[in-house]
Amino acid sequence: GAMPYYADSVKGRFTISRDNGKNTVYLQMNSLKPEDTALYY
């Protein structure tokens, strides 16, 4: 339940969240830029 951490390059644009019941983590990515192009792990 601690505060999440973000890279400076995505702060204010990306939001990480979790669903404990589904054992799932999400990454909501808004205002995407060409430099966000990558393979996400």
Full PDB file with SEQRES, HELIX, SHEET, SSBOND, CRYST1, ORIGX, SCALE, CONECT and MASTER records, all heavy atoms in Angstrom:
SEQRES   1 A   41  GLY ALA MET PRO TYR TYR ALA ASP SER VAL LYS GLY ARG          
SEQRES   2 A   41  PHE THR ILE SER ARG ASP ASN GLY LYS ASN THR VAL TYR          
SEQRES   3 A   41  LEU GLN MET ASN SER LEU LYS PRO GLU ASP THR ALA LEU          
SEQRES   4 A   41  TYR TYR                                                      
HELIX    1 AA1 ASN A   20  LYS A   22  5                                   3    
HELIX    2 AA2 PRO A   34  ASP A   36  5                                   3    
SHEET    1 AA1 2 PHE A  14  ASP A  19  0                                        
SHEET    2 AA1 2 THR A  24  MET A  29 -1                                        
CRYST1    1.000    1.000    1.000  90.00  90.00  90.00 P 1           1          
ORIGX1      1.000000  0.000000  0.000000        0.00000                         
ORIGX2      0.000000  1.000000  0.000000        0.00000                         
ORIGX3      0.000000  0.000000  1.000000        0.00000                         
SCALE1      1.000000  0.000000  0.000000        0.00000                         
SCALE2      0.000000  1.000000  0.000000        0.00000                         
SCALE3      0.000000  0.000000  1.000000        0.00000                         
ATOM      1  N   GLY A   1       0.799  -1.213   0.000  1.00  0.00           N  
ATOM      2  CA  GLY A   1       0.000   0.000   0.000  1.00  0.00           C  
ATOM      3  C   GLY A   1       0.831   1.263   0.000  1.00  0.00           C  
ATOM      4  O   GLY A   1       0.286   2.375   0.060  1.00  0.00           O  
ATOM      5  N   ALA A   2       2.141   1.106  -0.068  1.00  0.00           N  
ATOM      6  CA  ALA A   2       3.021   2.278  -0.117  1.00  0.00           C  
ATOM      7  C   ALA A   2       2.819   3.038  -1.433  1.00  0.00           C  
ATOM      8  O   ALA A   2       2.305   2.499  -2.410  1.00  0.00           O  
ATOM      9  CB  ALA A   2       4.472   1.840   0.016  1.00  0.00           C  
ATOM     10  N   MET A   3       3.245   4.272  -1.455  1.00  0.00           N  
ATOM     11  CA  MET A   3       3.123   5.085  -2.658  1.00  0.00           C  
ATOM     12  C   MET A   3       3.936   4.476  -3.784  1.00  0.00           C  
ATOM     13  O   MET A   3       5.040   3.999  -3.577  1.00  0.00           O  
ATOM     14  CB  MET A   3       3.612   6.508  -2.380  1.00  0.00           C  
ATOM     15  CG  MET A   3       2.741   7.291  -1.432  1.00  0.00           C  
ATOM     16  SD  MET A   3       1.129   7.654  -2.152  1.00  0.00           S  
ATOM     17  CE  MET A   3       1.601   8.853  -3.386  1.00  0.00           C  
ATOM     18  N   PRO A   4       3.399   4.487  -5.005  1.00  0.00           N  
ATOM     19  CA  PRO A   4       4.155   3.957  -6.141  1.00  0.00           C  
ATOM     20  C   PRO A   4       5.290   4.886  -6.555  1.00  0.00           C  
ATOM     21  O   PRO A   4       5.329   6.051  -6.148  1.00  0.00           O  
ATOM     22  CB  PRO A   4       3.102   3.846  -7.243  1.00  0.00           C  
ATOM     23  CG  PRO A   4       2.084   4.877  -6.883  1.00  0.00           C  
ATOM     24  CD  PRO A   4       2.049   4.913  -5.393  1.00  0.00           C  
ATOM     25  N   TYR A   5       6.195   4.369  -7.348  1.00  0.00           N  
ATOM     26  CA  TYR A   5       7.313   5.138  -7.874  1.00  0.00           C  
ATOM     27  C   TYR A   5       7.227   5.164  -9.406  1.00  0.00           C  
ATOM     28  O   TYR A   5       6.786   4.210 -10.026  1.00  0.00           O  
ATOM     29  CB  TYR A   5       8.645   4.511  -7.460  1.00  0.00           C  
ATOM     30  CG  TYR A   5       9.064   4.845  -6.054  1.00  0.00           C  
ATOM     31  CD1 TYR A   5       8.629   4.078  -4.985  1.00  0.00           C  
ATOM     32  CD2 TYR A   5       9.889   5.933  -5.790  1.00  0.00           C  
ATOM     33  CE1 TYR A   5       9.009   4.372  -3.687  1.00  0.00           C  
ATOM     34  CE2 TYR A   5      10.279   6.235  -4.498  1.00  0.00           C  
ATOM     35  CZ  TYR A   5       9.832   5.448  -3.453  1.00  0.00           C  
ATOM     36  OH  TYR A   5      10.213   5.751  -2.171  1.00  0.00           O  
ATOM     37  N   TYR A   6       7.687   6.284  -9.955  1.00  0.00           N  
ATOM     38  CA  TYR A   6       7.686   6.459 -11.409  1.00  0.00           C  
ATOM     39  C   TYR A   6       9.019   7.015 -11.874  1.00  0.00           C  
ATOM     40  O   TYR A   6       9.675   7.780 -11.155  1.00  0.00           O  
ATOM     41  CB  TYR A   6       6.589   7.445 -11.837  1.00  0.00           C  
ATOM     42  CG  TYR A   6       5.188   7.001 -11.536  1.00  0.00           C  
ATOM     43  CD1 TYR A   6       4.555   7.361 -10.346  1.00  0.00           C  
ATOM     44  CD2 TYR A   6       4.482   6.209 -12.445  1.00  0.00           C  
ATOM     45  CE1 TYR A   6       3.263   6.952 -10.064  1.00  0.00           C  
ATOM     46  CE2 TYR A   6       3.183   5.801 -12.169  1.00  0.00           C  
ATOM     47  CZ  TYR A   6       2.593   6.175 -10.981  1.00  0.00           C  
ATOM     48  OH  TYR A   6       1.305   5.763 -10.712  1.00  0.00           O  
ATOM     49  N   ALA A   7       9.391   6.649 -13.097  1.00  0.00           N  
ATOM     50  CA  ALA A   7      10.513   7.313 -13.731  1.00  0.00           C  
ATOM     51  C   ALA A   7      10.123   8.753 -14.036  1.00  0.00           C  
ATOM     52  O   ALA A   7       8.949   9.037 -14.324  1.00  0.00           O  
ATOM     53  CB  ALA A   7      10.893   6.592 -15.015  1.00  0.00           C  
ATOM     54  N   ASP A   8      11.087   9.645 -13.993  1.00  0.00           N  
ATOM     55  CA  ASP A   8      10.792  11.060 -14.248  1.00  0.00           C  
ATOM     56  C   ASP A   8      10.170  11.255 -15.632  1.00  0.00           C  
ATOM     57  O   ASP A   8       9.327  12.142 -15.820  1.00  0.00           O  
ATOM     58  CB  ASP A   8      12.076  11.892 -14.140  1.00  0.00           C  
ATOM     59  CG  ASP A   8      12.544  12.041 -12.707  1.00  0.00           C  
ATOM     60  OD1 ASP A   8      11.743  11.793 -11.788  1.00  0.00           O  
ATOM     61  OD2 ASP A   8      13.724  12.389 -12.519  1.00  0.00           O  
ATOM     62  N   SER A   9      10.560  10.432 -16.584  1.00  0.00           N  
ATOM     63  CA  SER A   9      10.093  10.592 -17.960  1.00  0.00           C  
ATOM     64  C   SER A   9       8.612  10.283 -18.140  1.00  0.00           C  
ATOM     65  O   SER A   9       8.021  10.673 -19.159  1.00  0.00           O  
ATOM     66  CB  SER A   9      10.907   9.704 -18.894  1.00  0.00           C  
ATOM     67  OG  SER A   9      10.793   8.348 -18.514  1.00  0.00           O  
ATOM     68  N   VAL A  10       7.992   9.615 -17.167  1.00  0.00           N  
ATOM     69  CA  VAL A  10       6.580   9.243 -17.317  1.00  0.00           C  
ATOM     70  C   VAL A  10       5.690   9.852 -16.235  1.00  0.00           C  
ATOM     71  O   VAL A  10       4.466   9.687 -16.294  1.00  0.00           O  
ATOM     72  CB  VAL A  10       6.397   7.710 -17.315  1.00  0.00           C  
ATOM     73  CG1 VAL A  10       7.282   7.060 -18.368  1.00  0.00           C  
ATOM     74  CG2 VAL A  10       6.659   7.110 -15.944  1.00  0.00           C  
ATOM     75  N   LYS A  11       6.270  10.546 -15.270  1.00  0.00           N  
ATOM     76  CA  LYS A  11       5.477  11.153 -14.201  1.00  0.00           C  
ATOM     77  C   LYS A  11       4.435  12.102 -14.773  1.00  0.00           C  
ATOM     78  O   LYS A  11       4.728  12.906 -15.649  1.00  0.00           O  
ATOM     79  CB  LYS A  11       6.390  11.917 -13.236  1.00  0.00           C  
ATOM     80  CG  LYS A  11       7.095  11.048 -12.229  1.00  0.00           C  
ATOM     81  CD  LYS A  11       7.960  11.884 -11.298  1.00  0.00           C  
ATOM     82  CE  LYS A  11       8.702  11.008 -10.313  1.00  0.00           C  
ATOM     83  NZ  LYS A  11       9.612  11.804  -9.448  1.00  0.00           N  
ATOM     84  N   GLY A  12       3.217  11.983 -14.261  1.00  0.00           N  
ATOM     85  CA  GLY A  12       2.141  12.840 -14.722  1.00  0.00           C  
ATOM     86  C   GLY A  12       1.422  12.318 -15.950  1.00  0.00           C  
ATOM     87  O   GLY A  12       0.361  12.823 -16.306  1.00  0.00           O  
ATOM     88  N   ARG A  13       1.996  11.301 -16.599  1.00  0.00           N  
ATOM     89  CA  ARG A  13       1.371  10.732 -17.797  1.00  0.00           C  
ATOM     90  C   ARG A  13       0.958   9.276 -17.585  1.00  0.00           C  
ATOM     91  O   ARG A  13      -0.053   8.823 -18.133  1.00  0.00           O  
ATOM     92  CB  ARG A  13       2.328  10.809 -18.988  1.00  0.00           C  
ATOM     93  CG  ARG A  13       2.752  12.213 -19.354  1.00  0.00           C  
ATOM     94  CD  ARG A  13       3.556  12.227 -20.663  1.00  0.00           C  
ATOM     95  NE  ARG A  13       4.790  11.455 -20.575  1.00  0.00           N  
ATOM     96  CZ  ARG A  13       5.079  10.438 -21.374  1.00  0.00           C  
ATOM     97  NH1 ARG A  13       4.214  10.053 -22.305  1.00  0.00           N  
ATOM     98  NH2 ARG A  13       6.238   9.803 -21.244  1.00  0.00           N  
ATOM     99  N   PHE A  14       1.739   8.533 -16.835  1.00  0.00           N  
ATOM    100  CA  PHE A  14       1.475   7.118 -16.588  1.00  0.00           C  
ATOM    101  C   PHE A  14       0.986   6.936 -15.153  1.00  0.00           C  
ATOM    102  O   PHE A  14       1.442   7.639 -14.243  1.00  0.00           O  
ATOM    103  CB  PHE A  14       2.738   6.287 -16.779  1.00  0.00           C  
ATOM    104  CG  PHE A  14       3.235   6.176 -18.199  1.00  0.00           C  
ATOM    105  CD1 PHE A  14       2.725   6.971 -19.224  1.00  0.00           C  
ATOM    106  CD2 PHE A  14       4.225   5.261 -18.515  1.00  0.00           C  
ATOM    107  CE1 PHE A  14       3.183   6.864 -20.517  1.00  0.00           C  
ATOM    108  CE2 PHE A  14       4.706   5.140 -19.801  1.00  0.00           C  
ATOM    109  CZ  PHE A  14       4.187   5.951 -20.799  1.00  0.00           C  
ATOM    110  N   THR A  15       0.107   5.956 -14.956  1.00  0.00           N  
ATOM    111  CA  THR A  15      -0.386   5.608 -13.635  1.00  0.00           C  
ATOM    112  C   THR A  15      -0.343   4.103 -13.460  1.00  0.00           C  
ATOM    113  O   THR A  15      -0.914   3.370 -14.281  1.00  0.00           O  
ATOM    114  CB  THR A  15      -1.818   6.103 -13.415  1.00  0.00           C  
ATOM    115  OG1 THR A  15      -1.881   7.518 -13.606  1.00  0.00           O  
ATOM    116  CG2 THR A  15      -2.285   5.770 -12.002  1.00  0.00           C  
ATOM    117  N   ILE A  16       0.320   3.652 -12.407  1.00  0.00           N  
ATOM    118  CA  ILE A  16       0.367   2.224 -12.098  1.00  0.00           C  
ATOM    119  C   ILE A  16      -0.662   1.937 -11.010  1.00  0.00           C  
ATOM    120  O   ILE A  16      -0.845   2.742 -10.085  1.00  0.00           O  
ATOM    121  CB  ILE A  16       1.788   1.781 -11.673  1.00  0.00           C  
ATOM    122  CG1 ILE A  16       1.872   0.260 -11.581  1.00  0.00           C  
ATOM    123  CG2 ILE A  16       2.219   2.454 -10.372  1.00  0.00           C  
ATOM    124  CD1 ILE A  16       3.298  -0.262 -11.410  1.00  0.00           C  
ATOM    125  N   SER A  17      -1.338   0.799 -11.140  1.00  0.00           N  
ATOM    126  CA  SER A  17      -2.330   0.412 -10.146  1.00  0.00           C  
ATOM    127  C   SER A  17      -2.333  -1.103 -10.040  1.00  0.00           C  
ATOM    128  O   SER A  17      -1.729  -1.793 -10.858  1.00  0.00           O  
ATOM    129  CB  SER A  17      -3.712   0.935 -10.522  1.00  0.00           C  
ATOM    130  OG  SER A  17      -4.136   0.394 -11.758  1.00  0.00           O  
ATOM    131  N   ARG A  18      -3.039  -1.594  -9.036  1.00  0.00           N  
ATOM    132  CA  ARG A  18      -3.075  -3.050  -8.839  1.00  0.00           C  
ATOM    133  C   ARG A  18      -4.473  -3.491  -8.453  1.00  0.00           C  
ATOM    134  O   ARG A  18      -5.262  -2.712  -7.916  1.00  0.00           O  
ATOM    135  CB  ARG A  18      -2.090  -3.460  -7.735  1.00  0.00           C  
ATOM    136  CG  ARG A  18      -2.486  -3.011  -6.350  1.00  0.00           C  
ATOM    137  CD  ARG A  18      -1.425  -3.377  -5.316  1.00  0.00           C  
ATOM    138  NE  ARG A  18      -1.936  -3.245  -3.968  1.00  0.00           N  
ATOM    139  CZ  ARG A  18      -1.928  -2.129  -3.258  1.00  0.00           C  
ATOM    140  NH1 ARG A  18      -1.423  -1.035  -3.793  1.00  0.00           N  
ATOM    141  NH2 ARG A  18      -2.400  -2.109  -2.036  1.00  0.00           N  
ATOM    142  N   ASP A  19      -4.755  -4.757  -8.719  1.00  0.00           N  
ATOM    143  CA  ASP A  19      -5.998  -5.399  -8.284  1.00  0.00           C  
ATOM    144  C   ASP A  19      -5.579  -6.615  -7.482  1.00  0.00           C  
ATOM    145  O   ASP A  19      -5.162  -7.627  -8.047  1.00  0.00           O  
ATOM    146  CB  ASP A  19      -6.848  -5.780  -9.495  1.00  0.00           C  
ATOM    147  CG  ASP A  19      -8.205  -6.341  -9.082  1.00  0.00           C  
ATOM    148  OD1 ASP A  19      -8.297  -7.026  -8.047  1.00  0.00           O  
ATOM    149  OD2 ASP A  19      -9.174  -6.095  -9.828  1.00  0.00           O  
ATOM    150  N   ASN A  20      -5.683  -6.509  -6.165  1.00  0.00           N  
ATOM    151  CA  ASN A  20      -5.204  -7.590  -5.304  1.00  0.00           C  
ATOM    152  C   ASN A  20      -5.943  -8.898  -5.587  1.00  0.00           C  
ATOM    153  O   ASN A  20      -5.343  -9.969  -5.606  1.00  0.00           O  
ATOM    154  CB  ASN A  20      -5.379  -7.205  -3.836  1.00  0.00           C  
ATOM    155  CG  ASN A  20      -4.455  -6.071  -3.427  1.00  0.00           C  
ATOM    156  OD1 ASN A  20      -3.893  -5.376  -4.271  1.00  0.00           O  
ATOM    157  ND2 ASN A  20      -4.312  -5.871  -2.138  1.00  0.00           N  
ATOM    158  N   GLY A  21      -7.237  -8.802  -5.795  1.00  0.00           N  
ATOM    159  CA  GLY A  21      -8.036 -10.008  -5.997  1.00  0.00           C  
ATOM    160  C   GLY A  21      -7.696 -10.739  -7.276  1.00  0.00           C  
ATOM    161  O   GLY A  21      -7.841 -11.957  -7.367  1.00  0.00           O  
ATOM    162  N   LYS A  22      -7.228 -10.008  -8.271  1.00  0.00           N  
ATOM    163  CA  LYS A  22      -6.887 -10.606  -9.555  1.00  0.00           C  
ATOM    164  C   LYS A  22      -5.388 -10.818  -9.714  1.00  0.00           C  
ATOM    165  O   LYS A  22      -4.941 -11.280 -10.769  1.00  0.00           O  
ATOM    166  CB  LYS A  22      -7.387  -9.720 -10.698  1.00  0.00           C  
ATOM    167  CG  LYS A  22      -8.902  -9.616 -10.772  1.00  0.00           C  
ATOM    168  CD  LYS A  22      -9.321  -8.768 -11.969  1.00  0.00           C  
ATOM    169  CE  LYS A  22     -10.846  -8.698 -12.064  1.00  0.00           C  
ATOM    170  NZ  LYS A  22     -11.286  -7.867 -13.220  1.00  0.00           N  
ATOM    171  N   ASN A  23      -4.606 -10.452  -8.692  1.00  0.00           N  
ATOM    172  CA  ASN A  23      -3.143 -10.580  -8.769  1.00  0.00           C  
ATOM    173  C   ASN A  23      -2.611  -9.934 -10.042  1.00  0.00           C  
ATOM    174  O   ASN A  23      -1.776 -10.509 -10.767  1.00  0.00           O  
ATOM    175  CB  ASN A  23      -2.723 -12.053  -8.698  1.00  0.00           C  
ATOM    176  CG  ASN A  23      -3.152 -12.704  -7.400  1.00  0.00           C  
ATOM    177  OD1 ASN A  23      -2.914 -12.176  -6.325  1.00  0.00           O  
ATOM    178  ND2 ASN A  23      -3.834 -13.838  -7.512  1.00  0.00           N  
ATOM    179  N   THR A  24      -3.113  -8.756 -10.323  1.00  0.00           N  
ATOM    180  CA  THR A  24      -2.817  -8.079 -11.590  1.00  0.00           C  
ATOM    181  C   THR A  24      -2.344  -6.654 -11.328  1.00  0.00           C  
ATOM    182  O   THR A  24      -2.864  -5.981 -10.431  1.00  0.00           O  
ATOM    183  CB  THR A  24      -4.065  -8.065 -12.484  1.00  0.00           C  
ATOM    184  OG1 THR A  24      -4.429  -9.414 -12.791  1.00  0.00           O  
ATOM    185  CG2 THR A  24      -3.805  -7.318 -13.782  1.00  0.00           C  
ATOM    186  N   VAL A  25      -1.391  -6.226 -12.133  1.00  0.00           N  
ATOM    187  CA  VAL A  25      -0.928  -4.847 -12.096  1.00  0.00           C  
ATOM    188  C   VAL A  25      -1.215  -4.213 -13.457  1.00  0.00           C  
ATOM    189  O   VAL A  25      -1.171  -4.903 -14.487  1.00  0.00           O  
ATOM    190  CB  VAL A  25       0.576  -4.765 -11.751  1.00  0.00           C  
ATOM    191  CG1 VAL A  25       1.438  -5.405 -12.832  1.00  0.00           C  
ATOM    192  CG2 VAL A  25       1.008  -3.332 -11.507  1.00  0.00           C  
ATOM    193  N   TYR A  26      -1.552  -2.942 -13.435  1.00  0.00           N  
ATOM    194  CA  TYR A  26      -1.905  -2.222 -14.653  1.00  0.00           C  
ATOM    195  C   TYR A  26      -0.982  -1.016 -14.837  1.00  0.00           C  
ATOM    196  O   TYR A  26      -0.457  -0.472 -13.865  1.00  0.00           O  
ATOM    197  CB  TYR A  26      -3.350  -1.718 -14.578  1.00  0.00           C  
ATOM    198  CG  TYR A  26      -4.361  -2.805 -14.324  1.00  0.00           C  
ATOM    199  CD1 TYR A  26      -4.816  -3.058 -13.030  1.00  0.00           C  
ATOM    200  CD2 TYR A  26      -4.865  -3.579 -15.367  1.00  0.00           C  
ATOM    201  CE1 TYR A  26      -5.744  -4.050 -12.788  1.00  0.00           C  
ATOM    202  CE2 TYR A  26      -5.798  -4.574 -15.128  1.00  0.00           C  
ATOM    203  CZ  TYR A  26      -6.231  -4.800 -13.838  1.00  0.00           C  
ATOM    204  OH  TYR A  26      -7.154  -5.799 -13.601  1.00  0.00           O  
ATOM    205  N   LEU A  27      -0.827  -0.616 -16.082  1.00  0.00           N  
ATOM    206  CA  LEU A  27      -0.114   0.618 -16.378  1.00  0.00           C  
ATOM    207  C   LEU A  27      -0.962   1.413 -17.366  1.00  0.00           C  
ATOM    208  O   LEU A  27      -1.066   1.035 -18.543  1.00  0.00           O  
ATOM    209  CB  LEU A  27       1.264   0.350 -16.966  1.00  0.00           C  
ATOM    210  CG  LEU A  27       2.140   1.591 -17.163  1.00  0.00           C  
ATOM    211  CD1 LEU A  27       2.534   2.185 -15.815  1.00  0.00           C  
ATOM    212  CD2 LEU A  27       3.390   1.266 -17.993  1.00  0.00           C  
ATOM    213  N   GLN A  28      -1.594   2.470 -16.872  1.00  0.00           N  
ATOM    214  CA  GLN A  28      -2.362   3.362 -17.728  1.00  0.00           C  
ATOM    215  C   GLN A  28      -1.417   4.412 -18.291  1.00  0.00           C  
ATOM    216  O   GLN A  28      -0.784   5.156 -17.531  1.00  0.00           O  
ATOM    217  CB  GLN A  28      -3.476   4.035 -16.933  1.00  0.00           C  
ATOM    218  CG  GLN A  28      -4.305   5.026 -17.739  1.00  0.00           C  
ATOM    219  CD  GLN A  28      -5.106   4.371 -18.839  1.00  0.00           C  
ATOM    220  OE1 GLN A  28      -5.719   3.331 -18.644  1.00  0.00           O  
ATOM    221  NE2 GLN A  28      -5.107   4.975 -20.030  1.00  0.00           N  
ATOM    222  N   MET A  29      -1.319   4.454 -19.604  1.00  0.00           N  
ATOM    223  CA  MET A  29      -0.382   5.357 -20.269  1.00  0.00           C  
ATOM    224  C   MET A  29      -1.164   6.380 -21.084  1.00  0.00           C  
ATOM    225  O   MET A  29      -1.853   6.023 -22.042  1.00  0.00           O  
ATOM    226  CB  MET A  29       0.566   4.564 -21.176  1.00  0.00           C  
ATOM    227  CG  MET A  29       1.303   3.453 -20.445  1.00  0.00           C  
ATOM    228  SD  MET A  29       2.504   2.605 -21.482  1.00  0.00           S  
ATOM    229  CE  MET A  29       1.419   1.842 -22.665  1.00  0.00           C  
ATOM    230  N   ASN A  30      -1.071   7.629 -20.682  1.00  0.00           N  
ATOM    231  CA  ASN A  30      -1.757   8.724 -21.372  1.00  0.00           C  
ATOM    232  C   ASN A  30      -0.733   9.671 -22.000  1.00  0.00           C  
ATOM    233  O   ASN A  30       0.450   9.635 -21.641  1.00  0.00           O  
ATOM    234  CB  ASN A  30      -2.638   9.493 -20.397  1.00  0.00           C  
ATOM    235  CG  ASN A  30      -3.729   8.649 -19.787  1.00  0.00           C  
ATOM    236  OD1 ASN A  30      -4.239   7.717 -20.413  1.00  0.00           O  
ATOM    237  ND2 ASN A  30      -4.092   8.956 -18.560  1.00  0.00           N  
ATOM    238  N   SER A  31      -1.202  10.490 -22.893  1.00  0.00           N  
ATOM    239  CA  SER A  31      -0.339  11.485 -23.560  1.00  0.00           C  
ATOM    240  C   SER A  31       0.938  10.838 -24.087  1.00  0.00           C  
ATOM    241  O   SER A  31       2.050  11.334 -23.872  1.00  0.00           O  
ATOM    242  CB  SER A  31       0.012  12.622 -22.597  1.00  0.00           C  
ATOM    243  OG  SER A  31      -1.156  13.248 -22.103  1.00  0.00           O  
ATOM    244  N   LEU A  32       0.761   9.737 -24.766  1.00  0.00           N  
ATOM    245  CA  LEU A  32       1.926   8.973 -25.236  1.00  0.00           C  
ATOM    246  C   LEU A  32       2.730   9.759 -26.264  1.00  0.00           C  
ATOM    247  O   LEU A  32       2.176  10.525 -27.070  1.00  0.00           O  
ATOM    248  CB  LEU A  32       1.461   7.638 -25.826  1.00  0.00           C  
ATOM    249  CG  LEU A  32       1.115   6.591 -24.775  1.00  0.00           C  
ATOM    250  CD1 LEU A  32       0.257   5.483 -25.370  1.00  0.00           C  
ATOM    251  CD2 LEU A  32       2.377   6.014 -24.161  1.00  0.00           C  
ATOM    252  N   LYS A  33       4.043   9.538 -26.214  1.00  0.00           N  
ATOM    253  CA  LYS A  33       4.986  10.203 -27.109  1.00  0.00           C  
ATOM    254  C   LYS A  33       5.737   9.150 -27.921  1.00  0.00           C  
ATOM    255  O   LYS A  33       5.879   8.004 -27.477  1.00  0.00           O  
ATOM    256  CB  LYS A  33       5.988  11.017 -26.293  1.00  0.00           C  
ATOM    257  CG  LYS A  33       5.371  12.021 -25.338  1.00  0.00           C  
ATOM    258  CD  LYS A  33       6.445  12.683 -24.483  1.00  0.00           C  
ATOM    259  CE  LYS A  33       5.854  13.663 -23.502  1.00  0.00           C  
ATOM    260  NZ  LYS A  33       6.900  14.307 -22.659  1.00  0.00           N  
ATOM    261  N   PRO A  34       6.254   9.529 -29.079  1.00  0.00           N  
ATOM    262  CA  PRO A  34       7.037   8.559 -29.861  1.00  0.00           C  
ATOM    263  C   PRO A  34       8.189   7.950 -29.064  1.00  0.00           C  
ATOM    264  O   PRO A  34       8.530   6.779 -29.264  1.00  0.00           O  
ATOM    265  CB  PRO A  34       7.544   9.396 -31.034  1.00  0.00           C  
ATOM    266  CG  PRO A  34       6.489  10.437 -31.220  1.00  0.00           C  
ATOM    267  CD  PRO A  34       6.029  10.777 -29.841  1.00  0.00           C  
ATOM    268  N   GLU A  35       8.764   8.709 -28.143  1.00  0.00           N  
ATOM    269  CA  GLU A  35       9.868   8.179 -27.336  1.00  0.00           C  
ATOM    270  C   GLU A  35       9.433   7.156 -26.303  1.00  0.00           C  
ATOM    271  O   GLU A  35      10.266   6.543 -25.636  1.00  0.00           O  
ATOM    272  CB  GLU A  35      10.640   9.313 -26.646  1.00  0.00           C  
ATOM    273  CG  GLU A  35       9.772  10.301 -25.891  1.00  0.00           C  
ATOM    274  CD  GLU A  35       9.460  11.540 -26.701  1.00  0.00           C  
ATOM    275  OE1 GLU A  35       9.119  11.413 -27.908  1.00  0.00           O  
ATOM    276  OE2 GLU A  35       9.525  12.652 -26.121  1.00  0.00           O  
ATOM    277  N   ASP A  36       8.124   6.947 -26.159  1.00  0.00           N  
ATOM    278  CA  ASP A  36       7.630   5.884 -25.294  1.00  0.00           C  
ATOM    279  C   ASP A  36       7.624   4.535 -26.010  1.00  0.00           C  
ATOM    280  O   ASP A  36       7.346   3.501 -25.386  1.00  0.00           O  
ATOM    281  CB  ASP A  36       6.205   6.191 -24.818  1.00  0.00           C  
ATOM    282  CG  ASP A  36       6.144   7.403 -23.904  1.00  0.00           C  
ATOM    283  OD1 ASP A  36       7.029   7.546 -23.037  1.00  0.00           O  
ATOM    284  OD2 ASP A  36       5.199   8.209 -24.062  1.00  0.00           O  
ATOM    285  N   THR A  37       7.913   4.539 -27.304  1.00  0.00           N  
ATOM    286  CA  THR A  37       7.941   3.293 -28.067  1.00  0.00           C  
ATOM    287  C   THR A  37       9.007   2.357 -27.509  1.00  0.00           C  
ATOM    288  O   THR A  37      10.174   2.726 -27.377  1.00  0.00           O  
ATOM    289  CB  THR A  37       8.245   3.599 -29.545  1.00  0.00           C  
ATOM    290  OG1 THR A  37       7.155   4.345 -30.100  1.00  0.00           O  
ATOM    291  CG2 THR A  37       8.423   2.307 -30.341  1.00  0.00           C  
ATOM    292  N   ALA A  38       8.579   1.149 -27.152  1.00  0.00           N  
ATOM    293  CA  ALA A  38       9.487   0.175 -26.542  1.00  0.00           C  
ATOM    294  C   ALA A  38       8.750  -1.134 -26.317  1.00  0.00           C  
ATOM    295  O   ALA A  38       7.521  -1.200 -26.441  1.00  0.00           O  
ATOM    296  CB  ALA A  38      10.025   0.697 -25.206  1.00  0.00           C  
ATOM    297  N   LEU A  39       9.529  -2.132 -25.949  1.00  0.00           N  
ATOM    298  CA  LEU A  39       8.960  -3.383 -25.462  1.00  0.00           C  
ATOM    299  C   LEU A  39       8.825  -3.241 -23.949  1.00  0.00           C  
ATOM    300  O   LEU A  39       9.817  -2.969 -23.271  1.00  0.00           O  
ATOM    301  CB  LEU A  39       9.868  -4.550 -25.827  1.00  0.00           C  
ATOM    302  CG  LEU A  39       9.340  -5.971 -25.628  1.00  0.00           C  
ATOM    303  CD1 LEU A  39       8.069  -6.195 -26.442  1.00  0.00           C  
ATOM    304  CD2 LEU A  39      10.396  -6.979 -26.017  1.00  0.00           C  
ATOM    305  N   TYR A  40       7.607  -3.367 -23.448  1.00  0.00           N  
ATOM    306  CA  TYR A  40       7.331  -3.160 -22.029  1.00  0.00           C  
ATOM    307  C   TYR A  40       7.275  -4.506 -21.311  1.00  0.00           C  
ATOM    308  O   TYR A  40       6.537  -5.409 -21.726  1.00  0.00           O  
ATOM    309  CB  TYR A  40       6.017  -2.405 -21.847  1.00  0.00           C  
ATOM    310  CG  TYR A  40       6.153  -0.937 -22.122  1.00  0.00           C  
ATOM    311  CD1 TYR A  40       6.355  -0.461 -23.418  1.00  0.00           C  
ATOM    312  CD2 TYR A  40       6.090  -0.005 -21.085  1.00  0.00           C  
ATOM    313  CE1 TYR A  40       6.507   0.895 -23.673  1.00  0.00           C  
ATOM    314  CE2 TYR A  40       6.230   1.356 -21.326  1.00  0.00           C  
ATOM    315  CZ  TYR A  40       6.447   1.796 -22.622  1.00  0.00           C  
ATOM    316  OH  TYR A  40       6.585   3.131 -22.868  1.00  0.00           O  
ATOM    317  N   TYR A  41       8.046  -4.612 -20.231  1.00  0.00           N  
ATOM    318  CA  TYR A  41       8.136  -5.843 -19.467  1.00  0.00           C  
ATOM    319  C   TYR A  41       7.538  -5.649 -18.077  1.00  0.00           C  
ATOM    320  O   TYR A  41       7.826  -4.662 -17.393  1.00  0.00           O  
ATOM    321  CB  TYR A  41       9.592  -6.269 -19.295  1.00  0.00           C  
ATOM    322  CG  TYR A  41      10.286  -6.668 -20.560  1.00  0.00           C  
ATOM    323  CD1 TYR A  41      11.019  -5.740 -21.299  1.00  0.00           C  
ATOM    324  CD2 TYR A  41      10.227  -7.980 -21.022  1.00  0.00           C  
ATOM    325  CE1 TYR A  41      11.670  -6.101 -22.455  1.00  0.00           C  
ATOM    326  CE2 TYR A  41      10.880  -8.353 -22.182  1.00  0.00           C  
ATOM    327  CZ  TYR A  41      11.595  -7.405 -22.892  1.00  0.00           C  
ATOM    328  OH  TYR A  41      12.241  -7.774 -24.050  1.00  0.00           O  
TER     329      TYR A  41                                                      
MASTER        0    0    0    2    2    0    0    6  328    1    0    4          
END                                                                             
